[in-house]
Amino acid sequence: MREMDFTMVRQDLVAPGQEVEVSEGVLPVAGSFYYTIEPAVAMSANYKKNERLKSAKGVIKEIKETPRGFICVVEFDE
């Protein structure tokens, strides 16, 4: 299992236990990758090529509230 954090600005867009799909984006200058919970619910940090995600679906493990918004912890079967 692999866990990734996604930043979410608004509350209640997803819930723990919910299966979500993610899309991959590429930053051309840095050659990094980022992921978005669709439909544009939350976004991940940037990852290097050797850290790329292999799964397109995951399950919301938990949602943490922070002073800057919400963190969705998503678990992927990798």
C-alpha atoms as a PDB file:
ATOM      1  CA  MET A   1       0.000   0.000   0.000  1.00  0.00           C
ATOM      2  CA  ARG A   2       1.123   3.522  -0.756  1.00  0.00           C
ATOM      3  CA  GLU A   3      -0.244   6.670   0.849  1.00  0.00           C
ATOM      4  CA  MET A   4      -0.196  10.131  -0.700  1.00  0.00           C
ATOM      5  CA  ASP A   5      -1.365  13.487   0.649  1.00  0.00           C
ATOM      6  CA  PHE A   6      -3.581  15.750  -1.435  1.00  0.00           C
ATOM      7  CA  THR A   7      -4.374  19.362  -0.528  1.00  0.00           C
ATOM      8  CA  MET A   8      -8.075  20.215  -0.568  1.00  0.00           C
ATOM      9  CA  VAL A   9      -9.313  23.789  -0.036  1.00  0.00           C
ATOM     10  CA  ARG A  10     -13.028  23.178   0.568  1.00  0.00           C
ATOM     11  CA  GLN A  11     -14.528  20.757   3.061  1.00  0.00           C
ATOM     12  CA  ASP A  12     -16.867  17.813   2.336  1.00  0.00           C
ATOM     13  CA  LEU A  13     -15.888  17.263  -1.312  1.00  0.00           C
ATOM     14  CA  VAL A  14     -14.869  13.666  -0.527  1.00  0.00           C
ATOM     15  CA  ALA A  15     -15.306  11.392   2.490  1.00  0.00           C
ATOM     16  CA  PRO A  16     -13.189   8.687   4.164  1.00  0.00           C
ATOM     17  CA  GLY A  17     -13.751   5.292   2.555  1.00  0.00           C
ATOM     18  CA  GLN A  18     -14.685   6.814  -0.809  1.00  0.00           C
ATOM     19  CA  GLU A  19     -12.939   5.464  -3.910  1.00  0.00           C
ATOM     20  CA  VAL A  20     -11.456   8.237  -6.050  1.00  0.00           C
ATOM     21  CA  GLU A  21      -9.795   8.497  -9.446  1.00  0.00           C
ATOM     22  CA  VAL A  22      -6.652  10.537  -9.952  1.00  0.00           C
ATOM     23  CA  SER A  23      -5.181  12.035 -13.088  1.00  0.00           C
ATOM     24  CA  GLU A  24      -1.496  12.694 -13.701  1.00  0.00           C
ATOM     25  CA  GLY A  25      -0.092  16.027 -14.798  1.00  0.00           C
ATOM     26  CA  VAL A  26       3.431  16.823 -15.990  1.00  0.00           C
ATOM     27  CA  LEU A  27       5.541  19.868 -15.224  1.00  0.00           C
ATOM     28  CA  PRO A  28       7.605  20.241 -18.421  1.00  0.00           C
ATOM     29  CA  VAL A  29      10.425  22.352 -17.018  1.00  0.00           C
ATOM     30  CA  ALA A  30      11.224  20.261 -13.959  1.00  0.00           C
ATOM     31  CA  GLY A  31      10.178  16.893 -15.375  1.00  0.00           C
ATOM     32  CA  SER A  32       8.058  16.367 -12.280  1.00  0.00           C
ATOM     33  CA  PHE A  33       4.601  14.869 -11.956  1.00  0.00           C
ATOM     34  CA  TYR A  34       1.591  15.888  -9.885  1.00  0.00           C
ATOM     35  CA  TYR A  35      -1.774  14.245  -9.298  1.00  0.00           C
ATOM     36  CA  THR A  36      -5.319  15.573  -9.058  1.00  0.00           C
ATOM     37  CA  ILE A  37      -8.306  13.873  -7.454  1.00  0.00           C
ATOM     38  CA  GLU A  38     -10.985  14.184 -10.120  1.00  0.00           C
ATOM     39  CA  PRO A  39     -13.031  16.220 -10.740  1.00  0.00           C
ATOM     40  CA  ALA A  40     -10.453  18.756  -9.493  1.00  0.00           C
ATOM     41  CA  VAL A  41     -11.161  18.118  -5.807  1.00  0.00           C
ATOM     42  CA  ALA A  42      -7.589  18.117  -4.466  1.00  0.00           C
ATOM     43  CA  MET A  43      -3.985  18.243  -5.700  1.00  0.00           C
ATOM     44  CA  SER A  44      -0.822  16.451  -4.646  1.00  0.00           C
ATOM     45  CA  ALA A  45       2.705  17.717  -4.230  1.00  0.00           C
ATOM     46  CA  ASN A  46       5.203  17.269  -7.071  1.00  0.00           C
ATOM     47  CA  TYR A  47       6.909  13.895  -7.498  1.00  0.00           C
ATOM     48  CA  LYS A  48      10.050  12.855  -9.352  1.00  0.00           C
ATOM     49  CA  LYS A  49       9.966  10.396 -12.244  1.00  0.00           C
ATOM     50  CA  ASN A  50      11.017   7.459 -10.066  1.00  0.00           C
ATOM     51  CA  GLU A  51       8.180   8.281  -7.608  1.00  0.00           C
ATOM     52  CA  ARG A  52       5.380   8.168 -10.202  1.00  0.00           C
ATOM     53  CA  LEU A  53       2.065   6.666  -9.193  1.00  0.00           C
ATOM     54  CA  LYS A  54       1.170   3.359 -10.845  1.00  0.00           C
ATOM     55  CA  SER A  55      -2.531   3.274  -9.883  1.00  0.00           C
ATOM     56  CA  ALA A  56      -5.263   5.564 -11.144  1.00  0.00           C
ATOM     57  CA  LYS A  57      -7.681   4.724  -8.315  1.00  0.00           C
ATOM     58  CA  GLY A  58      -7.363   4.962  -4.561  1.00  0.00           C
ATOM     59  CA  VAL A  59      -9.415   5.128  -1.373  1.00  0.00           C
ATOM     60  CA  ILE A  60      -9.633   8.109   0.978  1.00  0.00           C
ATOM     61  CA  LYS A  61      -8.099   6.911   4.248  1.00  0.00           C
ATOM     62  CA  GLU A  62      -8.615  10.082   6.273  1.00  0.00           C
ATOM     63  CA  ILE A  63      -9.080  13.839   6.003  1.00  0.00           C
ATOM     64  CA  LYS A  64      -7.034  16.099   8.262  1.00  0.00           C
ATOM     65  CA  GLU A  65      -7.967  19.706   8.975  1.00  0.00           C
ATOM     66  CA  THR A  66      -5.060  22.179   9.030  1.00  0.00           C
ATOM     67  CA  PRO A  67      -4.889  25.984   9.310  1.00  0.00           C
ATOM     68  CA  ARG A  68      -4.262  26.125   5.534  1.00  0.00           C
ATOM     69  CA  GLY A  69      -7.094  23.821   4.460  1.00  0.00           C
ATOM     70  CA  PHE A  70      -7.598  20.076   4.417  1.00  0.00           C
ATOM     71  CA  ILE A  71      -5.280  17.162   3.678  1.00  0.00           C
ATOM     72  CA  CYS A  72      -6.786  14.056   2.061  1.00  0.00           C
ATOM     73  CA  VAL A  73      -4.723  10.962   2.739  1.00  0.00           C
ATOM     74  CA  VAL A  74      -5.328   8.549  -0.137  1.00  0.00           C
ATOM     75  CA  GLU A  75      -4.275   4.912  -0.069  1.00  0.00           C
ATOM     76  CA  PHE A  76      -3.265   3.230  -3.326  1.00  0.00           C
ATOM     77  CA  ASP A  77      -2.835  -0.488  -3.921  1.00  0.00           C
ATOM     78  CA  GLU A  78       0.807  -0.570  -5.072  1.00  0.00           C
END
